[in-house]
Amino acid sequence: MHGDLGMLVKGDIAILISNSGNTQEVCQNIAPLRHNGIITV
């Protein structure tokens, strides 16, 4: 969320890991990833 989203480009797939599935620092990435055309898992 501080610039490293630039490492991902369209065609990449992001696997977001959180045991609870509600970790704020992980979940906050979903919207910008999808906005940038990244498939999220």
PDB file of all heavy atoms in Angstrom:
ATOM      1  N   MET A   1       0.817  -1.220   0.000  1.00  0.00           N
ATOM      2  CA  MET A   1       0.000   0.000   0.000  1.00  0.00           C
ATOM      3  C   MET A   1       0.851   1.270   0.000  1.00  0.00           C
ATOM      4  O   MET A   1       0.309   2.379  -0.033  1.00  0.00           O
ATOM      5  CB  MET A   1      -0.931  -0.013   1.211  1.00  0.00           C
ATOM      6  CG  MET A   1      -1.941  -1.148   1.179  1.00  0.00           C
ATOM      7  SD  MET A   1      -3.130  -1.024  -0.187  1.00  0.00           S
ATOM      8  CE  MET A   1      -4.168   0.313   0.398  1.00  0.00           C
ATOM      9  N   HIS A   2       2.168   1.092   0.041  1.00  0.00           N
ATOM     10  CA  HIS A   2       3.074   2.241   0.000  1.00  0.00           C
ATOM     11  C   HIS A   2       3.982   2.164  -1.219  1.00  0.00           C
ATOM     12  O   HIS A   2       5.161   2.517  -1.155  1.00  0.00           O
ATOM     13  CB  HIS A   2       3.889   2.315   1.302  1.00  0.00           C
ATOM     14  CG  HIS A   2       3.065   2.667   2.495  1.00  0.00           C
ATOM     15  ND1 HIS A   2       2.827   3.966   2.891  1.00  0.00           N
ATOM     16  CD2 HIS A   2       2.371   1.881   3.363  1.00  0.00           C
ATOM     17  CE1 HIS A   2       2.043   3.965   3.963  1.00  0.00           C
ATOM     18  NE2 HIS A   2       1.757   2.714   4.263  1.00  0.00           N
ATOM     19  N   GLY A   3       3.441   1.655  -2.320  1.00  0.00           N
ATOM     20  CA  GLY A   3       4.169   1.664  -3.587  1.00  0.00           C
ATOM     21  C   GLY A   3       4.502   0.309  -4.163  1.00  0.00           C
ATOM     22  O   GLY A   3       4.713   0.190  -5.371  1.00  0.00           O
ATOM     23  N   ASP A   4       4.557  -0.733  -3.321  1.00  0.00           N
ATOM     24  CA  ASP A   4       4.948  -2.046  -3.834  1.00  0.00           C
ATOM     25  C   ASP A   4       3.860  -2.723  -4.666  1.00  0.00           C
ATOM     26  O   ASP A   4       4.120  -3.745  -5.305  1.00  0.00           O
ATOM     27  CB  ASP A   4       5.397  -2.972  -2.691  1.00  0.00           C
ATOM     28  CG  ASP A   4       6.794  -2.635  -2.197  1.00  0.00           C
ATOM     29  OD1 ASP A   4       7.389  -1.675  -2.726  1.00  0.00           O
ATOM     30  OD2 ASP A   4       7.286  -3.319  -1.280  1.00  0.00           O
ATOM     31  N   LEU A   5       2.654  -2.137  -4.707  1.00  0.00           N
ATOM     32  CA  LEU A   5       1.640  -2.635  -5.633  1.00  0.00           C
ATOM     33  C   LEU A   5       2.138  -2.522  -7.072  1.00  0.00           C
ATOM     34  O   LEU A   5       1.672  -3.236  -7.957  1.00  0.00           O
ATOM     35  CB  LEU A   5       0.323  -1.858  -5.477  1.00  0.00           C
ATOM     36  CG  LEU A   5      -0.527  -2.223  -4.266  1.00  0.00           C
ATOM     37  CD1 LEU A   5      -1.660  -1.220  -4.097  1.00  0.00           C
ATOM     38  CD2 LEU A   5      -1.089  -3.633  -4.386  1.00  0.00           C
ATOM     39  N   GLY A   6       3.121  -1.634  -7.277  1.00  0.00           N
ATOM     40  CA  GLY A   6       3.709  -1.468  -8.601  1.00  0.00           C
ATOM     41  C   GLY A   6       4.488  -2.682  -9.075  1.00  0.00           C
ATOM     42  O   GLY A   6       4.851  -2.776 -10.243  1.00  0.00           O
ATOM     43  N   MET A   7       4.753  -3.631  -8.183  1.00  0.00           N
ATOM     44  CA  MET A   7       5.429  -4.868  -8.572  1.00  0.00           C
ATOM     45  C   MET A   7       4.497  -5.810  -9.324  1.00  0.00           C
ATOM     46  O   MET A   7       4.952  -6.761  -9.948  1.00  0.00           O
ATOM     47  CB  MET A   7       5.974  -5.593  -7.335  1.00  0.00           C
ATOM     48  CG  MET A   7       7.060  -4.859  -6.599  1.00  0.00           C
ATOM     49  SD  MET A   7       7.627  -5.840  -5.189  1.00  0.00           S
ATOM     50  CE  MET A   7       8.808  -4.732  -4.451  1.00  0.00           C
ATOM     51  N   LEU A   8       3.201  -5.556  -9.217  1.00  0.00           N
ATOM     52  CA  LEU A   8       2.222  -6.434  -9.859  1.00  0.00           C
ATOM     53  C   LEU A   8       1.686  -5.800 -11.130  1.00  0.00           C
ATOM     54  O   LEU A   8       1.419  -4.596 -11.167  1.00  0.00           O
ATOM     55  CB  LEU A   8       1.052  -6.722  -8.914  1.00  0.00           C
ATOM     56  CG  LEU A   8       1.348  -7.582  -7.692  1.00  0.00           C
ATOM     57  CD1 LEU A   8       1.834  -6.740  -6.525  1.00  0.00           C
ATOM     58  CD2 LEU A   8       0.127  -8.377  -7.276  1.00  0.00           C
ATOM     59  N   VAL A   9       1.537  -6.614 -12.157  1.00  0.00           N
ATOM     60  CA  VAL A   9       0.995  -6.134 -13.431  1.00  0.00           C
ATOM     61  C   VAL A   9      -0.136  -7.053 -13.872  1.00  0.00           C
ATOM     62  O   VAL A   9      -0.280  -8.178 -13.380  1.00  0.00           O
ATOM     63  CB  VAL A   9       2.084  -6.083 -14.529  1.00  0.00           C
ATOM     64  CG1 VAL A   9       3.178  -5.095 -14.163  1.00  0.00           C
ATOM     65  CG2 VAL A   9       2.684  -7.464 -14.780  1.00  0.00           C
ATOM     66  N   LYS A  10      -0.930  -6.568 -14.800  1.00  0.00           N
ATOM     67  CA  LYS A  10      -2.031  -7.368 -15.320  1.00  0.00           C
ATOM     68  C   LYS A  10      -1.486  -8.686 -15.848  1.00  0.00           C
ATOM     69  O   LYS A  10      -0.472  -8.713 -16.545  1.00  0.00           O
ATOM     70  CB  LYS A  10      -2.762  -6.608 -16.423  1.00  0.00           C
ATOM     71  CG  LYS A  10      -4.138  -7.152 -16.717  1.00  0.00           C
ATOM     72  CD  LYS A  10      -4.951  -6.188 -17.549  1.00  0.00           C
ATOM     73  CE  LYS A  10      -6.354  -6.746 -17.729  1.00  0.00           C
ATOM     74  NZ  LYS A  10      -7.210  -5.820 -18.498  1.00  0.00           N
ATOM     75  N   GLY A  11      -2.139  -9.773 -15.511  1.00  0.00           N
ATOM     76  CA  GLY A  11      -1.650 -11.106 -15.867  1.00  0.00           C
ATOM     77  C   GLY A  11      -1.084 -11.839 -14.674  1.00  0.00           C
ATOM     78  O   GLY A  11      -0.941 -13.062 -14.688  1.00  0.00           O
ATOM     79  N   ASP A  12      -0.759 -11.071 -13.609  1.00  0.00           N
ATOM     80  CA  ASP A  12      -0.316 -11.681 -12.356  1.00  0.00           C
ATOM     81  C   ASP A  12      -1.530 -12.170 -11.565  1.00  0.00           C
ATOM     82  O   ASP A  12      -2.661 -11.729 -11.795  1.00  0.00           O
ATOM     83  CB  ASP A  12       0.450 -10.676 -11.491  1.00  0.00           C
ATOM     84  CG  ASP A  12       1.789 -10.270 -12.089  1.00  0.00           C
ATOM     85  OD1 ASP A  12       2.267 -10.957 -13.006  1.00  0.00           O
ATOM     86  OD2 ASP A  12       2.342  -9.254 -11.624  1.00  0.00           O
ATOM     87  N   ILE A  13      -1.275 -13.059 -10.625  1.00  0.00           N
ATOM     88  CA  ILE A  13      -2.307 -13.517  -9.695  1.00  0.00           C
ATOM     89  C   ILE A  13      -1.786 -13.303  -8.285  1.00  0.00           C
ATOM     90  O   ILE A  13      -0.668 -13.721  -7.966  1.00  0.00           O
ATOM     91  CB  ILE A  13      -2.637 -15.010  -9.914  1.00  0.00           C
ATOM     92  CG1 ILE A  13      -3.197 -15.233 -11.324  1.00  0.00           C
ATOM     93  CG2 ILE A  13      -3.639 -15.496  -8.860  1.00  0.00           C
ATOM     94  CD1 ILE A  13      -3.389 -16.697 -11.682  1.00  0.00           C
ATOM     95  N   ALA A  14      -2.580 -12.638  -7.450  1.00  0.00           N
ATOM     96  CA  ALA A  14      -2.181 -12.372  -6.064  1.00  0.00           C
ATOM     97  C   ALA A  14      -2.888 -13.342  -5.129  1.00  0.00           C
ATOM     98  O   ALA A  14      -4.113 -13.470  -5.158  1.00  0.00           O
ATOM     99  CB  ALA A  14      -2.528 -10.934  -5.682  1.00  0.00           C
ATOM    100  N   ILE A  15      -2.100 -14.042  -4.305  1.00  0.00           N
ATOM    101  CA  ILE A  15      -2.645 -14.922  -3.272  1.00  0.00           C
ATOM    102  C   ILE A  15      -2.462 -14.226  -1.932  1.00  0.00           C
ATOM    103  O   ILE A  15      -1.335 -14.019  -1.476  1.00  0.00           O
ATOM    104  CB  ILE A  15      -1.950 -16.294  -3.278  1.00  0.00           C
ATOM    105  CG1 ILE A  15      -2.153 -16.984  -4.637  1.00  0.00           C
ATOM    106  CG2 ILE A  15      -2.491 -17.171  -2.148  1.00  0.00           C
ATOM    107  CD1 ILE A  15      -1.496 -18.341  -4.759  1.00  0.00           C
ATOM    108  N   LEU A  16      -3.569 -13.841  -1.321  1.00  0.00           N
ATOM    109  CA  LEU A  16      -3.548 -13.091  -0.065  1.00  0.00           C
ATOM    110  C   LEU A  16      -3.795 -14.062   1.086  1.00  0.00           C
ATOM    111  O   LEU A  16      -4.828 -14.744   1.117  1.00  0.00           O
ATOM    112  CB  LEU A  16      -4.612 -12.000  -0.081  1.00  0.00           C
ATOM    113  CG  LEU A  16      -4.366 -10.858  -1.069  1.00  0.00           C
ATOM    114  CD1 LEU A  16      -4.897 -11.213  -2.449  1.00  0.00           C
ATOM    115  CD2 LEU A  16      -5.012  -9.572  -0.601  1.00  0.00           C
ATOM    116  N   ILE A  17      -2.844 -14.120   2.022  1.00  0.00           N
ATOM    117  CA  ILE A  17      -2.914 -15.088   3.111  1.00  0.00           C
ATOM    118  C   ILE A  17      -3.264 -14.395   4.425  1.00  0.00           C
ATOM    119  O   ILE A  17      -2.601 -13.454   4.847  1.00  0.00           O
ATOM    120  CB  ILE A  17      -1.585 -15.854   3.275  1.00  0.00           C
ATOM    121  CG1 ILE A  17      -1.164 -16.494   1.935  1.00  0.00           C
ATOM    122  CG2 ILE A  17      -1.713 -16.922   4.353  1.00  0.00           C
ATOM    123  CD1 ILE A  17       0.153 -17.242   1.999  1.00  0.00           C
ATOM    124  N   SER A  18      -4.323 -14.888   5.055  1.00  0.00           N
ATOM    125  CA  SER A  18      -4.726 -14.430   6.388  1.00  0.00           C
ATOM    126  C   SER A  18      -5.560 -15.544   6.995  1.00  0.00           C
ATOM    127  O   SER A  18      -6.552 -15.964   6.389  1.00  0.00           O
ATOM    128  CB  SER A  18      -5.555 -13.146   6.305  1.00  0.00           C
ATOM    129  OG  SER A  18      -6.259 -12.911   7.507  1.00  0.00           O
ATOM    130  N   ASN A  19      -5.166 -16.030   8.159  1.00  0.00           N
ATOM    131  CA  ASN A  19      -5.914 -17.125   8.771  1.00  0.00           C
ATOM    132  C   ASN A  19      -7.367 -16.736   9.025  1.00  0.00           C
ATOM    133  O   ASN A  19      -8.290 -17.462   8.654  1.00  0.00           O
ATOM    134  CB  ASN A  19      -5.243 -17.578  10.068  1.00  0.00           C
ATOM    135  CG  ASN A  19      -5.961 -18.748  10.697  1.00  0.00           C
ATOM    136  OD1 ASN A  19      -6.295 -19.720  10.025  1.00  0.00           O
ATOM    137  ND2 ASN A  19      -6.239 -18.661  11.980  1.00  0.00           N
ATOM    138  N   SER A  20      -7.583 -15.576   9.624  1.00  0.00           N
ATOM    139  CA  SER A  20      -8.950 -15.132   9.913  1.00  0.00           C
ATOM    140  C   SER A  20      -9.666 -14.694   8.640  1.00  0.00           C
ATOM    141  O   SER A  20     -10.892 -14.787   8.541  1.00  0.00           O
ATOM    142  CB  SER A  20      -8.933 -13.964  10.904  1.00  0.00           C
ATOM    143  OG  SER A  20      -8.390 -12.801  10.287  1.00  0.00           O
ATOM    144  N   GLY A  21      -8.885 -14.189   7.700  1.00  0.00           N
ATOM    145  CA  GLY A  21      -9.479 -13.633   6.490  1.00  0.00           C
ATOM    146  C   GLY A  21      -9.959 -12.210   6.668  1.00  0.00           C
ATOM    147  O   GLY A  21     -10.555 -11.618   5.762  1.00  0.00           O
ATOM    148  N   ASN A  22      -9.690 -11.641   7.836  1.00  0.00           N
ATOM    149  CA  ASN A  22     -10.149 -10.278   8.129  1.00  0.00           C
ATOM    150  C   ASN A  22      -9.010  -9.346   8.535  1.00  0.00           C
ATOM    151  O   ASN A  22      -9.268  -8.243   9.023  1.00  0.00           O
ATOM    152  CB  ASN A  22     -11.201 -10.305   9.243  1.00  0.00           C
ATOM    153  CG  ASN A  22     -12.473 -10.998   8.796  1.00  0.00           C
ATOM    154  OD1 ASN A  22     -13.017 -10.687   7.747  1.00  0.00           O
ATOM    155  ND2 ASN A  22     -12.935 -11.968   9.583  1.00  0.00           N
ATOM    156  N   THR A  23      -7.775  -9.784   8.348  1.00  0.00           N
ATOM    157  CA  THR A  23      -6.625  -8.952   8.716  1.00  0.00           C
ATOM    158  C   THR A  23      -6.631  -7.686   7.871  1.00  0.00           C
ATOM    159  O   THR A  23      -6.509  -7.731   6.644  1.00  0.00           O
ATOM    160  CB  THR A  23      -5.314  -9.724   8.503  1.00  0.00           C
ATOM    161  OG1 THR A  23      -5.383 -10.972   9.196  1.00  0.00           O
ATOM    162  CG2 THR A  23      -4.126  -8.918   8.990  1.00  0.00           C
ATOM    163  N   GLN A  24      -6.757  -6.535   8.528  1.00  0.00           N
ATOM    164  CA  GLN A  24      -6.947  -5.268   7.819  1.00  0.00           C
ATOM    165  C   GLN A  24      -5.812  -4.973   6.848  1.00  0.00           C
ATOM    166  O   GLN A  24      -6.039  -4.531   5.719  1.00  0.00           O
ATOM    167  CB  GLN A  24      -7.104  -4.133   8.849  1.00  0.00           C
ATOM    168  CG  GLN A  24      -7.551  -2.804   8.264  1.00  0.00           C
ATOM    169  CD  GLN A  24      -6.397  -1.904   7.848  1.00  0.00           C
ATOM    170  OE1 GLN A  24      -5.292  -2.017   8.380  1.00  0.00           O
ATOM    171  NE2 GLN A  24      -6.637  -1.026   6.895  1.00  0.00           N
ATOM    172  N   GLU A  25      -4.560  -5.239   7.288  1.00  0.00           N
ATOM    173  CA  GLU A  25      -3.413  -4.918   6.429  1.00  0.00           C
ATOM    174  C   GLU A  25      -3.385  -5.773   5.160  1.00  0.00           C
ATOM    175  O   GLU A  25      -2.763  -5.394   4.173  1.00  0.00           O
ATOM    176  CB  GLU A  25      -2.096  -5.116   7.194  1.00  0.00           C
ATOM    177  CG  GLU A  25      -1.920  -4.191   8.381  1.00  0.00           C
ATOM    178  CD  GLU A  25      -2.401  -4.795   9.695  1.00  0.00           C
ATOM    179  OE1 GLU A  25      -3.265  -5.699   9.667  1.00  0.00           O
ATOM    180  OE2 GLU A  25      -1.914  -4.346  10.750  1.00  0.00           O
ATOM    181  N   VAL A  26      -4.041  -6.938   5.208  1.00  0.00           N
ATOM    182  CA  VAL A  26      -4.121  -7.794   4.023  1.00  0.00           C
ATOM    183  C   VAL A  26      -5.330  -7.412   3.172  1.00  0.00           C
ATOM    184  O   VAL A  26      -5.225  -7.205   1.957  1.00  0.00           O
ATOM    185  CB  VAL A  26      -4.193  -9.286   4.435  1.00  0.00           C
ATOM    186  CG1 VAL A  26      -4.357 -10.174   3.202  1.00  0.00           C
ATOM    187  CG2 VAL A  26      -2.942  -9.684   5.217  1.00  0.00           C
ATOM    188  N   CYS A  27      -6.477  -7.280   3.825  1.00  0.00           N
ATOM    189  CA  CYS A  27      -7.724  -7.002   3.090  1.00  0.00           C
ATOM    190  C   CYS A  27      -7.713  -5.659   2.368  1.00  0.00           C
ATOM    191  O   CYS A  27      -8.352  -5.504   1.324  1.00  0.00           O
ATOM    192  CB  CYS A  27      -8.912  -7.060   4.048  1.00  0.00           C
ATOM    193  SG  CYS A  27      -9.253  -8.728   4.682  1.00  0.00           S
ATOM    194  N   GLN A  28      -6.964  -4.693   2.897  1.00  0.00           N
ATOM    195  CA  GLN A  28      -6.945  -3.368   2.260  1.00  0.00           C
ATOM    196  C   GLN A  28      -6.356  -3.402   0.852  1.00  0.00           C
ATOM    197  O   GLN A  28      -6.557  -2.481   0.062  1.00  0.00           O
ATOM    198  CB  GLN A  28      -6.151  -2.389   3.126  1.00  0.00           C
ATOM    199  CG  GLN A  28      -4.662  -2.697   3.209  1.00  0.00           C
ATOM    200  CD  GLN A  28      -3.901  -1.761   4.116  1.00  0.00           C
ATOM    201  OE1 GLN A  28      -4.437  -0.748   4.558  1.00  0.00           O
ATOM    202  NE2 GLN A  28      -2.655  -2.093   4.419  1.00  0.00           N
ATOM    203  N   ASN A  29      -5.663  -4.498   0.524  1.00  0.00           N
ATOM    204  CA  ASN A  29      -5.049  -4.614  -0.801  1.00  0.00           C
ATOM    205  C   ASN A  29      -6.022  -5.076  -1.882  1.00  0.00           C
ATOM    206  O   ASN A  29      -5.744  -4.906  -3.072  1.00  0.00           O
ATOM    207  CB  ASN A  29      -3.873  -5.598  -0.753  1.00  0.00           C
ATOM    208  CG  ASN A  29      -2.680  -5.040  -0.010  1.00  0.00           C
ATOM    209  OD1 ASN A  29      -1.887  -4.288  -0.557  1.00  0.00           O
ATOM    210  ND2 ASN A  29      -2.544  -5.409   1.249  1.00  0.00           N
ATOM    211  N   ILE A  30      -7.139  -5.665  -1.481  1.00  0.00           N
ATOM    212  CA  ILE A  30      -8.028  -6.290  -2.469  1.00  0.00           C
ATOM    213  C   ILE A  30      -8.522  -5.279  -3.502  1.00  0.00           C
ATOM    214  O   ILE A  30      -8.412  -5.511  -4.714  1.00  0.00           O
ATOM    215  CB  ILE A  30      -9.227  -6.982  -1.785  1.00  0.00           C
ATOM    216  CG1 ILE A  30      -8.751  -8.023  -0.784  1.00  0.00           C
ATOM    217  CG2 ILE A  30     -10.123  -7.640  -2.845  1.00  0.00           C
ATOM    218  CD1 ILE A  30      -9.858  -8.556   0.136  1.00  0.00           C
ATOM    219  N   ALA A  31      -9.087  -4.172  -3.045  1.00  0.00           N
ATOM    220  CA  ALA A  31      -9.668  -3.187  -3.970  1.00  0.00           C
ATOM    221  C   ALA A  31      -8.643  -2.632  -4.951  1.00  0.00           C
ATOM    222  O   ALA A  31      -8.888  -2.632  -6.165  1.00  0.00           O
ATOM    223  CB  ALA A  31     -10.349  -2.065  -3.185  1.00  0.00           C
ATOM    224  N   PRO A  32      -7.460  -2.167  -4.482  1.00  0.00           N
ATOM    225  CA  PRO A  32      -6.489  -1.658  -5.459  1.00  0.00           C
ATOM    226  C   PRO A  32      -5.956  -2.733  -6.406  1.00  0.00           C
ATOM    227  O   PRO A  32      -5.696  -2.466  -7.581  1.00  0.00           O
ATOM    228  CB  PRO A  32      -5.375  -1.053  -4.604  1.00  0.00           C
ATOM    229  CG  PRO A  32      -5.597  -1.532  -3.220  1.00  0.00           C
ATOM    230  CD  PRO A  32      -7.037  -1.875  -3.096  1.00  0.00           C
ATOM    231  N   LEU A  33      -5.802  -3.952  -5.906  1.00  0.00           N
ATOM    232  CA  LEU A  33      -5.357  -5.035  -6.787  1.00  0.00           C
ATOM    233  C   LEU A  33      -6.365  -5.271  -7.898  1.00  0.00           C
ATOM    234  O   LEU A  33      -6.003  -5.345  -9.086  1.00  0.00           O
ATOM    235  CB  LEU A  33      -5.161  -6.323  -5.978  1.00  0.00           C
ATOM    236  CG  LEU A  33      -3.908  -6.413  -5.109  1.00  0.00           C
ATOM    237  CD1 LEU A  33      -4.009  -7.595  -4.148  1.00  0.00           C
ATOM    238  CD2 LEU A  33      -2.644  -6.528  -5.962  1.00  0.00           C
ATOM    239  N   ARG A  34      -7.622  -5.368  -7.542  1.00  0.00           N
ATOM    240  CA  ARG A  34      -8.658  -5.617  -8.539  1.00  0.00           C
ATOM    241  C   ARG A  34      -8.799  -4.430  -9.485  1.00  0.00           C
ATOM    242  O   ARG A  34      -9.013  -4.609 -10.680  1.00  0.00           O
ATOM    243  CB  ARG A  34      -9.975  -5.957  -7.847  1.00  0.00           C
ATOM    244  CG  ARG A  34      -9.880  -7.266  -7.045  1.00  0.00           C
ATOM    245  CD  ARG A  34     -11.210  -7.708  -6.498  1.00  0.00           C
ATOM    246  NE  ARG A  34     -12.057  -8.199  -7.586  1.00  0.00           N
ATOM    247  CZ  ARG A  34     -13.316  -8.583  -7.421  1.00  0.00           C
ATOM    248  NH1 ARG A  34     -13.873  -8.519  -6.229  1.00  0.00           N
ATOM    249  NH2 ARG A  34     -14.024  -9.020  -8.437  1.00  0.00           N
ATOM    250  N   HIS A  35      -8.644  -3.226  -8.954  1.00  0.00           N
ATOM    251  CA  HIS A  35      -8.686  -2.016  -9.799  1.00  0.00           C
ATOM    252  C   HIS A  35      -7.575  -2.057 -10.852  1.00  0.00           C
ATOM    253  O   HIS A  35      -7.756  -1.573 -11.981  1.00  0.00           O
ATOM    254  CB  HIS A  35      -8.548  -0.765  -8.928  1.00  0.00           C
ATOM    255  CG  HIS A  35      -8.472   0.507  -9.712  1.00  0.00           C
ATOM    256  ND1 HIS A  35      -9.583   1.095 -10.291  1.00  0.00           N
ATOM    257  CD2 HIS A  35      -7.409   1.293 -10.036  1.00  0.00           C
ATOM    258  CE1 HIS A  35      -9.216   2.188 -10.945  1.00  0.00           C
ATOM    259  NE2 HIS A  35      -7.905   2.345 -10.793  1.00  0.00           N
ATOM    260  N   ASN A  36      -6.431  -2.639 -10.471  1.00  0.00           N
ATOM    261  CA  ASN A  36      -5.291  -2.729 -11.391  1.00  0.00           C
ATOM    262  C   ASN A  36      -5.345  -3.973 -12.268  1.00  0.00           C
ATOM    263  O   ASN A  36      -4.380  -4.276 -12.985  1.00  0.00           O
ATOM    264  CB  ASN A  36      -3.979  -2.708 -10.596  1.00  0.00           C
ATOM    265  CG  ASN A  36      -3.739  -1.363  -9.918  1.00  0.00           C
ATOM    266  OD1 ASN A  36      -4.293  -0.342 -10.315  1.00  0.00           O
ATOM    267  ND2 ASN A  36      -2.930  -1.359  -8.871  1.00  0.00           N
ATOM    268  N   GLY A  37      -6.454  -4.701 -12.230  1.00  0.00           N
ATOM    269  CA  GLY A  37      -6.639  -5.848 -13.108  1.00  0.00           C
ATOM    270  C   GLY A  37      -5.961  -7.125 -12.649  1.00  0.00           C
ATOM    271  O   GLY A  37      -5.724  -8.036 -13.447  1.00  0.00           O
ATOM    272  N   ILE A  38      -5.652  -7.205 -11.349  1.00  0.00           N
ATOM    273  CA  ILE A  38      -4.984  -8.385 -10.799  1.00  0.00           C
ATOM    274  C   ILE A  38      -6.035  -9.357 -10.250  1.00  0.00           C
ATOM    275  O   ILE A  38      -6.903  -8.958  -9.470  1.00  0.00           O
ATOM    276  CB  ILE A  38      -4.008  -8.002  -9.661  1.00  0.00           C
ATOM    277  CG1 ILE A  38      -3.082  -6.849 -10.072  1.00  0.00           C
ATOM    278  CG2 ILE A  38      -3.225  -9.220  -9.183  1.00  0.00           C
ATOM    279  CD1 ILE A  38      -2.189  -7.133 -11.231  1.00  0.00           C
ATOM    280  N   ILE A  39      -5.953 -10.610 -10.639  1.00  0.00           N
ATOM    281  CA  ILE A  39      -6.829 -11.640 -10.079  1.00  0.00           C
ATOM    282  C   ILE A  39      -6.393 -11.916  -8.643  1.00  0.00           C
ATOM    283  O   ILE A  39      -5.201 -12.036  -8.356  1.00  0.00           O
ATOM    284  CB  ILE A  39      -6.757 -12.926 -10.919  1.00  0.00           C
ATOM    285  CG1 ILE A  39      -7.344 -12.683 -12.313  1.00  0.00           C
ATOM    286  CG2 ILE A  39      -7.503 -14.077 -10.232  1.00  0.00           C
ATOM    287  CD1 ILE A  39      -7.110 -13.817 -13.286  1.00  0.00           C
ATOM    288  N   THR A  40      -7.373 -12.021  -7.733  1.00  0.00           N
ATOM    289  CA  THR A  40      -7.060 -12.221  -6.317  1.00  0.00           C
ATOM    290  C   THR A  40      -7.580 -13.571  -5.828  1.00  0.00           C
ATOM    291  O   THR A  40      -8.683 -13.995  -6.183  1.00  0.00           O
ATOM    292  CB  THR A  40      -7.674 -11.105  -5.453  1.00  0.00           C
ATOM    293  OG1 THR A  40      -9.087 -11.022  -5.702  1.00  0.00           O
ATOM    294  CG2 THR A  40      -7.023  -9.759  -5.756  1.00  0.00           C
ATOM    295  N   VAL A  41      -6.751 -14.222  -4.994  1.00  0.00           N
ATOM    296  CA  VAL A  41      -7.105 -15.508  -4.403  1.00  0.00           C
ATOM    297  C   VAL A  41      -6.919 -15.407  -2.892  1.00  0.00           C
ATOM    298  O   VAL A  41      -5.848 -15.018  -2.419  1.00  0.00           O
ATOM    299  CB  VAL A  41      -6.220 -16.651  -4.950  1.00  0.00           C
ATOM    300  CG1 VAL A  41      -6.575 -17.981  -4.286  1.00  0.00           C
ATOM    301  CG2 VAL A  41      -6.333 -16.759  -6.465  1.00  0.00           C
TER     302      VAL A  41
END
